[in-house]
C-alpha atoms as a PDB file:
ATOM      1  CA  LEU A   1     -16.259 -14.137   9.139  1.00  0.00           C
ATOM      2  CA  ASN A   2     -16.588 -12.315  12.462  1.00  0.00           C
ATOM      3  CA  ILE A   3     -16.021  -8.890  10.938  1.00  0.00           C
ATOM      4  CA  LYS A   4     -18.869  -7.324  12.928  1.00  0.00           C
ATOM      5  CA  GLU A   5     -17.037  -8.191  16.159  1.00  0.00           C
ATOM      6  CA  LEU A   6     -13.873  -6.379  15.047  1.00  0.00           C
ATOM      7  CA  LEU A   7     -13.077  -3.348  17.229  1.00  0.00           C
ATOM      8  CA  LEU A   8     -11.059  -0.528  15.658  1.00  0.00           C
ATOM      9  CA  LYS A   9      -9.928   2.919  16.753  1.00  0.00           C
ATOM     10  CA  MET A  10      -9.173   5.523  14.089  1.00  0.00           C
ATOM     11  CA  TYR A  11      -6.926   8.520  14.665  1.00  0.00           C
ATOM     12  CA  GLY A  12      -7.621  11.375  12.252  1.00  0.00           C
ATOM     13  CA  TYR A  13     -10.054  11.339   9.356  1.00  0.00           C
ATOM     14  CA  GLY A  14     -11.054   8.545   6.991  1.00  0.00           C
ATOM     15  CA  PRO A  15     -11.912   6.635   5.038  1.00  0.00           C
ATOM     16  CA  LYS A  16      -9.024   4.202   5.463  1.00  0.00           C
ATOM     17  CA  THR A  17      -8.411   0.778   3.925  1.00  0.00           C
ATOM     18  CA  ILE A  18      -7.085  -2.245   5.823  1.00  0.00           C
ATOM     19  CA  SER A  19      -6.582  -5.780   4.527  1.00  0.00           C
ATOM     20  CA  VAL A  20      -5.919  -9.383   5.492  1.00  0.00           C
ATOM     21  CA  GLN A  21      -4.391 -12.092   3.309  1.00  0.00           C
ATOM     22  CA  ALA A  22      -4.158 -15.791   4.241  1.00  0.00           C
ATOM     23  CA  GLU A  23      -3.662 -19.072   2.408  1.00  0.00           C
ATOM     24  CA  GLY A  24      -3.518 -22.736   3.394  1.00  0.00           C
ATOM     25  CA  GLU A  25      -4.605 -24.430   6.610  1.00  0.00           C
ATOM     26  CA  CYS A  26      -4.598 -21.803   9.357  1.00  0.00           C
ATOM     27  CA  GLU A  27      -6.584 -19.785  11.879  1.00  0.00           C
ATOM     28  CA  VAL A  28      -7.015 -16.148  10.852  1.00  0.00           C
ATOM     29  CA  THR A  29      -7.273 -13.600  13.673  1.00  0.00           C
ATOM     30  CA  ALA A  30      -7.503  -9.820  13.854  1.00  0.00           C
ATOM     31  CA  LYS A  31      -3.763  -9.551  14.505  1.00  0.00           C
ATOM     32  CA  ASP A  32      -3.209 -10.745  10.912  1.00  0.00           C
ATOM     33  CA  ILE A  33      -4.835  -7.569   9.576  1.00  0.00           C
ATOM     34  CA  VAL A  34      -2.485  -5.139   7.837  1.00  0.00           C
ATOM     35  CA  THR A  35      -3.551  -1.749   9.167  1.00  0.00           C
ATOM     36  CA  ASP A  36      -2.928   1.891   8.413  1.00  0.00           C
ATOM     37  CA  PRO A  37      -0.715   3.773  10.942  1.00  0.00           C
ATOM     38  CA  ASP A  38      -3.815   5.725  11.992  1.00  0.00           C
ATOM     39  CA  ILE A  39      -5.833   2.591  12.824  1.00  0.00           C
ATOM     40  CA  GLU A  40      -5.507   0.468  15.964  1.00  0.00           C
ATOM     41  CA  VAL A  41      -7.011  -3.028  16.332  1.00  0.00           C
ATOM     42  CA  LEU A  42      -8.437  -3.235  19.861  1.00  0.00           C
ATOM     43  CA  ASN A  43      -9.152  -6.987  19.923  1.00  0.00           C
ATOM     44  CA  PRO A  44      -6.249  -8.587  17.999  1.00  0.00           C
ATOM     45  CA  ASN A  45      -7.091 -12.083  19.267  1.00  0.00           C
ATOM     46  CA  LEU A  46     -10.543 -12.040  17.639  1.00  0.00           C
ATOM     47  CA  HIS A  47     -11.048 -15.164  15.498  1.00  0.00           C
ATOM     48  CA  LEU A  48     -11.980 -14.148  11.954  1.00  0.00           C
ATOM     49  CA  ALA A  49     -11.899 -17.363   9.921  1.00  0.00           C
ATOM     50  CA  THR A  50     -10.609 -20.930   9.699  1.00  0.00           C
ATOM     51  CA  LEU A  51      -9.044 -22.068   6.417  1.00  0.00           C
ATOM     52  CA  ASN A  52      -8.390 -25.617   5.241  1.00  0.00           C
ATOM     53  CA  LYS A  53      -5.326 -26.616   3.224  1.00  0.00           C
ATOM     54  CA  ASP A  54      -6.964 -25.462  -0.023  1.00  0.00           C
ATOM     55  CA  GLY A  55      -8.388 -22.284   1.475  1.00  0.00           C
ATOM     56  CA  LYS A  56      -7.462 -18.758   0.476  1.00  0.00           C
ATOM     57  CA  LEU A  57      -8.631 -15.448   1.939  1.00  0.00           C
ATOM     58  CA  SER A  58      -8.112 -11.995   0.441  1.00  0.00           C
ATOM     59  CA  LEU A  59     -10.092  -9.262   2.143  1.00  0.00           C
ATOM     60  CA  HIS A  60      -9.984  -5.467   1.942  1.00  0.00           C
ATOM     61  CA  MET A  61     -12.024  -3.426   4.426  1.00  0.00           C
ATOM     62  CA  THR A  62     -12.953   0.258   4.385  1.00  0.00           C
ATOM     63  CA  VAL A  63     -12.912   1.970   7.787  1.00  0.00           C
ATOM     64  CA  LYS A  64     -14.790   5.188   8.517  1.00  0.00           C
ATOM     65  CA  LYS A  65     -15.801   7.221  11.533  1.00  0.00           C
ATOM     66  CA  GLY A  66     -19.436   7.478  12.563  1.00  0.00           C
ATOM     67  CA  ARG A  67     -21.913   7.657  15.418  1.00  0.00           C
ATOM     68  CA  GLY A  68     -24.333   5.159  16.927  1.00  0.00           C
ATOM     69  CA  TYR A  69     -25.591   2.225  14.849  1.00  0.00           C
ATOM     70  CA  VAL A  70     -25.659   2.245  11.042  1.00  0.00           C
ATOM     71  CA  PRO A  71     -27.378  -0.683   9.237  1.00  0.00           C
ATOM     72  CA  ALA A  72     -25.774  -2.305   6.207  1.00  0.00           C
ATOM     73  CA  GLU A  73     -28.251  -0.827   3.719  1.00  0.00           C
ATOM     74  CA  VAL A  74     -27.257   2.706   4.761  1.00  0.00           C
ATOM     75  CA  ASN A  75     -23.592   1.861   4.138  1.00  0.00           C
ATOM     76  CA  VAL A  76     -24.299   1.140   0.463  1.00  0.00           C
ATOM     77  CA  GLU A  77     -22.585   3.736  -1.720  1.00  0.00           C
ATOM     78  CA  GLU A  78     -22.615   4.486  -5.420  1.00  0.00           C
ATOM     79  CA  GLU A  79     -19.701   3.235  -7.507  1.00  0.00           C
ATOM     80  CA  MET A  80     -18.912   0.447  -5.046  1.00  0.00           C
ATOM     81  CA  PRO A  81     -16.956  -2.434  -6.644  1.00  0.00           C
ATOM     82  CA  ALA A  82     -19.176  -5.391  -7.561  1.00  0.00           C
ATOM     83  CA  GLN A  83     -17.771  -7.664  -4.830  1.00  0.00           C
ATOM     84  CA  THR A  84     -18.202  -5.146  -2.003  1.00  0.00           C
ATOM     85  CA  ILE A  85     -20.312  -6.396   0.928  1.00  0.00           C
ATOM     86  CA  PRO A  86     -21.661  -3.604   3.189  1.00  0.00           C
ATOM     87  CA  ILE A  87     -22.118  -4.630   6.840  1.00  0.00           C
ATOM     88  CA  ASP A  88     -23.786  -3.169   9.916  1.00  0.00           C
ATOM     89  CA  ALA A  89     -21.568  -0.732  11.816  1.00  0.00           C
ATOM     90  CA  ILE A  90     -21.639  -0.035  15.554  1.00  0.00           C
ATOM     91  CA  PHE A  91     -19.679   3.112  16.403  1.00  0.00           C
ATOM     92  CA  SER A  92     -20.660   3.441  20.072  1.00  0.00           C
ATOM     93  CA  PRO A  93     -17.785   2.553  22.425  1.00  0.00           C
ATOM     94  CA  ILE A  94     -20.167   1.835  25.321  1.00  0.00           C
ATOM     95  CA  GLN A  95     -20.901  -1.825  26.041  1.00  0.00           C
ATOM     96  CA  LYS A  96     -22.673  -1.676  29.404  1.00  0.00           C
ATOM     97  CA  VAL A  97     -23.901   0.981  31.851  1.00  0.00           C
ATOM     98  CA  ASN A  98     -25.378   0.613  35.340  1.00  0.00           C
ATOM     99  CA  PHE A  99     -25.915   2.917  38.307  1.00  0.00           C
ATOM    100  CA  ILE A 100     -26.379   2.306  42.034  1.00  0.00           C
ATOM    101  CA  VAL A 101     -27.829   4.830  44.504  1.00  0.00           C
ATOM    102  CA  GLU A 102     -27.066   4.198  48.178  1.00  0.00           C
ATOM    103  CA  ASN A 103     -27.582   6.059  51.438  1.00  0.00           C
ATOM    104  CA  ALA A 104     -24.503   7.940  52.557  1.00  0.00           C
ATOM    105  CA  ARG A 105     -23.425   9.602  55.774  1.00  0.00           C
ATOM    106  CA  VAL A 106     -21.497  12.869  55.914  1.00  0.00           C
ATOM    107  CA  GLY A 107     -20.530  13.772  59.458  1.00  0.00           C
ATOM    108  CA  ARG A 108     -23.682  13.416  61.556  1.00  0.00           C
ATOM    109  CA  ARG A 109     -26.032  13.763  58.616  1.00  0.00           C
ATOM    110  CA  THR A 110     -27.434  10.605  57.051  1.00  0.00           C
ATOM    111  CA  ASP A 111     -29.759  12.133  54.438  1.00  0.00           C
ATOM    112  CA  TYR A 112     -27.212  12.099  51.626  1.00  0.00           C
ATOM    113  CA  ASP A 113     -27.133   9.834  48.586  1.00  0.00           C
ATOM    114  CA  LYS A 114     -24.127   8.138  47.031  1.00  0.00           C
ATOM    115  CA  LEU A 115     -24.162   7.550  43.267  1.00  0.00           C
ATOM    116  CA  THR A 116     -21.995   4.803  41.776  1.00  0.00           C
ATOM    117  CA  LEU A 117     -21.677   4.530  37.993  1.00  0.00           C
ATOM    118  CA  GLU A 118     -20.587   1.286  36.354  1.00  0.00           C
ATOM    119  CA  VAL A 119     -19.441   1.887  32.770  1.00  0.00           C
ATOM    120  CA  THR A 120     -17.872  -0.714  30.469  1.00  0.00           C
ATOM    121  CA  THR A 121     -16.336   0.357  27.140  1.00  0.00           C
ATOM    122  CA  ASN A 122     -14.748  -1.497  24.229  1.00  0.00           C
ATOM    123  CA  GLY A 123     -11.347   0.027  24.971  1.00  0.00           C
ATOM    124  CA  SER A 124     -11.409   2.827  22.404  1.00  0.00           C
ATOM    125  CA  ILE A 125     -12.017   5.294  25.266  1.00  0.00           C
ATOM    126  CA  THR A 126     -11.832   4.931  29.039  1.00  0.00           C
ATOM    127  CA  PRO A 127     -14.977   4.869  31.232  1.00  0.00           C
ATOM    128  CA  GLU A 128     -13.874   8.208  32.708  1.00  0.00           C
ATOM    129  CA  GLU A 129     -13.682   9.757  29.226  1.00  0.00           C
ATOM    130  CA  ALA A 130     -17.095   8.307  28.346  1.00  0.00           C
ATOM    131  CA  VAL A 131     -18.751   9.824  31.435  1.00  0.00           C
ATOM    132  CA  SER A 132     -17.044  13.165  30.801  1.00  0.00           C
ATOM    133  CA  GLN A 133     -18.194  13.299  27.162  1.00  0.00           C
ATOM    134  CA  ALA A 134     -21.732  12.252  28.114  1.00  0.00           C
ATOM    135  CA  ALA A 135     -21.904  15.000  30.757  1.00  0.00           C
ATOM    136  CA  GLN A 136     -20.649  17.556  28.233  1.00  0.00           C
ATOM    137  CA  ILE A 137     -23.314  16.537  25.689  1.00  0.00           C
ATOM    138  CA  LEU A 138     -26.044  16.633  28.355  1.00  0.00           C
ATOM    139  CA  ARG A 139     -24.958  20.081  29.523  1.00  0.00           C
ATOM    140  CA  GLU A 140     -25.055  21.427  25.958  1.00  0.00           C
ATOM    141  CA  HIS A 141     -28.576  20.024  25.447  1.00  0.00           C
ATOM    142  CA  LEU A 142     -29.874  21.475  28.738  1.00  0.00           C
ATOM    143  CA  GLU A 143     -28.287  24.885  28.151  1.00  0.00           C
ATOM    144  CA  ILE A 144     -31.317  25.954  26.114  1.00  0.00           C
ATOM    145  CA  PHE A 145     -33.529  25.739  29.219  1.00  0.00           C
ATOM    146  CA  VAL A 146     -31.359  28.148  31.235  1.00  0.00           C
ATOM    147  CA  ASN A 147     -32.500  31.793  31.441  1.00  0.00           C
ATOM    148  CA  PHE A 148     -35.162  31.744  28.741  1.00  0.00           C
ATOM    149  CA  LYS A 149     -35.548  35.532  28.781  1.00  0.00           C
ATOM    150  CA  GLU A 150     -31.851  36.303  28.770  1.00  0.00           C
ATOM    151  CA  GLU A 151     -29.776  36.246  25.662  1.00  0.00           C
ATOM    152  CA  MET A 152     -27.625  33.163  25.634  1.00  0.00           C
ATOM    153  CA  ARG A 153     -23.923  33.880  25.541  1.00  0.00           C
ATOM    154  CA  PRO A 154     -22.345  32.053  22.624  1.00  0.00           C
ATOM    155  CA  ALA A 155     -20.166  29.186  23.707  1.00  0.00           C
ATOM    156  CA  VAL A 156     -16.519  29.346  22.750  1.00  0.00           C
ATOM    157  CA  PRO A 157     -15.982  26.426  20.379  1.00  0.00           C
ATOM    158  CA  ALA A 158     -13.185  24.021  21.195  1.00  0.00           C
ATOM    159  CA  VAL A 159     -10.361  23.833  18.692  1.00  0.00           C
ATOM    160  CA  ASP A 160     -10.466  20.597  16.694  1.00  0.00           C
ATOM    161  CA  VAL A 161      -6.794  19.977  15.953  1.00  0.00           C
ATOM    162  CA  ASP A 162      -7.519  17.229  13.407  1.00  0.00           C
ATOM    163  CA  ARG A 163      -9.978  19.462  11.559  1.00  0.00           C
ATOM    164  CA  VAL A 164      -7.516  22.377  11.467  1.00  0.00           C
ATOM    165  CA  ARG A 165      -4.829  20.060  10.088  1.00  0.00           C
ATOM    166  CA  MET A 166      -7.250  18.726   7.465  1.00  0.00           C
ATOM    167  CA  ILE A 167      -8.193  22.242   6.296  1.00  0.00           C
ATOM    168  CA  ASP A 168      -4.526  23.235   6.102  1.00  0.00           C
ATOM    169  CA  ASN A 169      -3.848  20.199   3.897  1.00  0.00           C
ATOM    170  CA  LEU A 170      -6.843  20.974   1.678  1.00  0.00           C
ATOM    171  CA  LYS A 171      -5.510  24.496   1.072  1.00  0.00           C
ATOM    172  CA  ARG A 172      -2.184  23.184  -0.195  1.00  0.00           C
ATOM    173  CA  SER A 173      -1.349  23.104  -3.893  1.00  0.00           C
ATOM    174  CA  VAL A 174      -1.212  19.797  -5.771  1.00  0.00           C
ATOM    175  CA  ASP A 175       2.380  20.817  -6.578  1.00  0.00           C
ATOM    176  CA  GLU A 176       3.260  19.691  -3.040  1.00  0.00           C
ATOM    177  CA  LEU A 177       2.037  16.113  -3.546  1.00  0.00           C
ATOM    178  CA  GLU A 178       5.246  15.018  -5.307  1.00  0.00           C
ATOM    179  CA  LEU A 179       3.291  13.202  -8.018  1.00  0.00           C
ATOM    180  CA  SER A 180       4.714  11.566 -11.108  1.00  0.00           C
ATOM    181  CA  VAL A 181       4.939  13.829 -14.144  1.00  0.00           C
ATOM    182  CA  ARG A 182       2.038  12.032 -15.846  1.00  0.00           C
ATOM    183  CA  SER A 183      -0.299  12.326 -12.858  1.00  0.00           C
ATOM    184  CA  TYR A 184       0.635  15.953 -12.252  1.00  0.00           C
ATOM    185  CA  ASN A 185       0.039  16.915 -15.895  1.00  0.00           C
ATOM    186  CA  CYS A 186      -3.377  15.224 -15.810  1.00  0.00           C
ATOM    187  CA  LEU A 187      -4.389  17.322 -12.795  1.00  0.00           C
ATOM    188  CA  LYS A 188      -3.038  20.448 -14.439  1.00  0.00           C
ATOM    189  CA  ASN A 189      -4.975  19.753 -17.661  1.00  0.00           C
ATOM    190  CA  ALA A 190      -8.126  19.218 -15.573  1.00  0.00           C
ATOM    191  CA  SER A 191      -7.555  22.623 -13.889  1.00  0.00           C
ATOM    192  CA  ILE A 192      -7.226  21.008 -10.455  1.00  0.00           C
ATOM    193  CA  ARG A 193      -4.925  23.320  -8.512  1.00  0.00           C
ATOM    194  CA  SER A 194      -5.493  22.527  -4.837  1.00  0.00           C
ATOM    195  CA  ILE A 195      -5.833  19.372  -2.773  1.00  0.00           C
ATOM    196  CA  GLY A 196      -9.265  20.665  -1.722  1.00  0.00           C
ATOM    197  CA  GLU A 197     -10.425  20.627  -5.348  1.00  0.00           C
ATOM    198  CA  LEU A 198      -8.914  17.170  -5.843  1.00  0.00           C
ATOM    199  CA  VAL A 199     -10.604  15.390  -2.914  1.00  0.00           C
ATOM    200  CA  GLN A 200     -14.052  16.525  -4.074  1.00  0.00           C
ATOM    201  CA  LYS A 201     -13.601  14.529  -7.282  1.00  0.00           C
ATOM    202  CA  THR A 202     -14.837  10.919  -7.335  1.00  0.00           C
ATOM    203  CA  GLU A 203     -12.807   8.053  -8.750  1.00  0.00           C
ATOM    204  CA  ALA A 204     -15.169   7.871 -11.727  1.00  0.00           C
ATOM    205  CA  GLU A 205     -14.706  11.575 -12.459  1.00  0.00           C
ATOM    206  CA  MET A 206     -10.931  11.279 -12.272  1.00  0.00           C
ATOM    207  CA  LEU A 207     -10.864   8.290 -14.628  1.00  0.00           C
ATOM    208  CA  LYS A 208     -12.716  10.380 -17.212  1.00  0.00           C
ATOM    209  CA  THR A 209      -9.778  12.818 -17.255  1.00  0.00           C
ATOM    210  CA  ARG A 210      -7.709  12.557 -20.398  1.00  0.00           C
ATOM    211  CA  ASN A 211      -4.634  10.273 -20.083  1.00  0.00           C
ATOM    212  CA  PHE A 212      -5.541   9.545 -16.447  1.00  0.00           C
ATOM    213  CA  GLY A 213      -5.470   5.793 -15.758  1.00  0.00           C
ATOM    214  CA  ARG A 214      -5.630   3.351 -12.859  1.00  0.00           C
ATOM    215  CA  LYS A 215      -1.935   3.741 -12.084  1.00  0.00           C
ATOM    216  CA  SER A 216      -2.304   7.482 -11.595  1.00  0.00           C
ATOM    217  CA  LEU A 217      -5.510   6.936  -9.610  1.00  0.00           C
ATOM    218  CA  ASN A 218      -3.835   4.506  -7.205  1.00  0.00           C
ATOM    219  CA  GLU A 219      -0.860   6.845  -6.808  1.00  0.00           C
ATOM    220  CA  ILE A 220      -3.096   9.758  -5.820  1.00  0.00           C
ATOM    221  CA  LYS A 221      -5.269   7.632  -3.518  1.00  0.00           C
ATOM    222  CA  GLU A 222      -2.198   6.356  -1.674  1.00  0.00           C
ATOM    223  CA  ILE A 223      -0.809   9.860  -1.138  1.00  0.00           C
ATOM    224  CA  LEU A 224      -4.169  11.258  -0.006  1.00  0.00           C
ATOM    225  CA  GLU A 225      -4.724   8.317   2.332  1.00  0.00           C
ATOM    226  CA  ALA A 226      -1.403   9.035   4.051  1.00  0.00           C
ATOM    227  CA  MET A 227      -2.754  12.541   4.748  1.00  0.00           C
ATOM    228  CA  GLY A 228      -6.038  11.230   6.161  1.00  0.00           C
ATOM    229  CA  LEU A 229      -7.904  12.298   3.029  1.00  0.00           C
ATOM    230  CA  GLY A 230      -9.558  10.553   0.081  1.00  0.00           C
ATOM    231  CA  LEU A 231     -11.403  11.070  -3.172  1.00  0.00           C
ATOM    232  CA  GLY A 232     -15.143  11.748  -3.157  1.00  0.00           C
ATOM    233  CA  MET A 233     -15.106  13.697   0.126  1.00  0.00           C
ATOM    234  CA  LYS A 234     -18.170  15.781   0.982  1.00  0.00           C
ATOM    235  CA  LEU A 235     -16.867  19.015   2.498  1.00  0.00           C
ATOM    236  CA  ASP A 236     -19.139  21.104   4.717  1.00  0.00           C
ATOM    237  CA  GLU A 237     -19.910  24.763   4.031  1.00  0.00           C
ATOM    238  CA  GLU A 238     -17.406  26.040   6.590  1.00  0.00           C
ATOM    239  CA  VAL A 239     -14.538  24.143   4.968  1.00  0.00           C
ATOM    240  CA  LEU A 240     -15.615  25.230   1.469  1.00  0.00           C
ATOM    241  CA  ALA A 241     -15.668  28.854   2.630  1.00  0.00           C
ATOM    242  CA  GLU A 242     -12.136  28.508   4.021  1.00  0.00           C
ATOM    243  CA  LEU A 243     -10.936  27.053   0.721  1.00  0.00           C
ATOM    244  CA  ALA A 244     -12.633  29.821  -1.260  1.00  0.00           C
ATOM    245  CA  LYS A 245     -10.885  32.499   0.839  1.00  0.00           C
ATOM    246  CA  SER A 246      -7.568  30.744   0.338  1.00  0.00           C
ATOM    247  CA  GLU A 247      -8.054  30.640  -3.446  1.00  0.00           C
ATOM    248  CA  VAL A 248      -8.933  34.351  -3.546  1.00  0.00           C
ATOM    249  CA  ALA A 249      -5.821  35.195  -1.525  1.00  0.00           C
ATOM    250  CA  GLN A 250      -3.639  33.178  -3.898  1.00  0.00           C
ATOM    251  CA  ASP A 251      -5.160  34.847  -6.969  1.00  0.00           C
ATOM    252  CA  GLU A 252      -4.623  38.388  -5.665  1.00  0.00           C
ATOM    253  CA  PRO A 253      -1.572  40.063  -7.274  1.00  0.00           C
ATOM    254  CA  GLU A 254       1.283  40.954  -4.980  1.00  0.00           C
ATOM    255  CA  GLU A 255       1.985  44.671  -4.536  1.00  0.00           C
END
């Protein structure tokens, strides 16, 4: 299988699950993959497998965001199903970079240089976006060397729309998930009131909840996945602080 060659673009947060099913004599390509609405296949013509008349393929893949190169052994997680096969992951969208410096003339002056950048990406971002992001990162790293003796003015952080949406969803009550009565009662008995509390639970922890079975687990996973969330999420301190403030506000009696 050419899974390592598969190029995907994810909108929002993960993890997400995609799948491909095939049977009988056929050529399986990336366009046969059943994707989530938040996932785009960038190379749909990629050949994945060739099946003979007795062949059968059933494959489920977990998609996450990341940075740089992550080897397969790092992608190993606890509580993975027995048949899970971790693979190397390459998150960088840059395929090739080159630069050319040439002499340039401006008016009568000939002591100028012309810089030409050649950037090739995998299609998840444009070369212009790649150069812009690289320049932004470089500027942030070099900022520390500017005016050593002067107090650095704090940079105004950019608003991450996806992150704001995620935090808003985490603050919501599990009452808003429109769960079946059985699933809702299980969460209530486990004292899980908010979506933020729910996503921090692992599948194993949820299955230990009284009267909570696989059917309820799959129902909750499907609903969370549609929101760009999932079980077993590791929330950073800033998000946890936001959730704590929200819980305090909800617990305060109204005057």
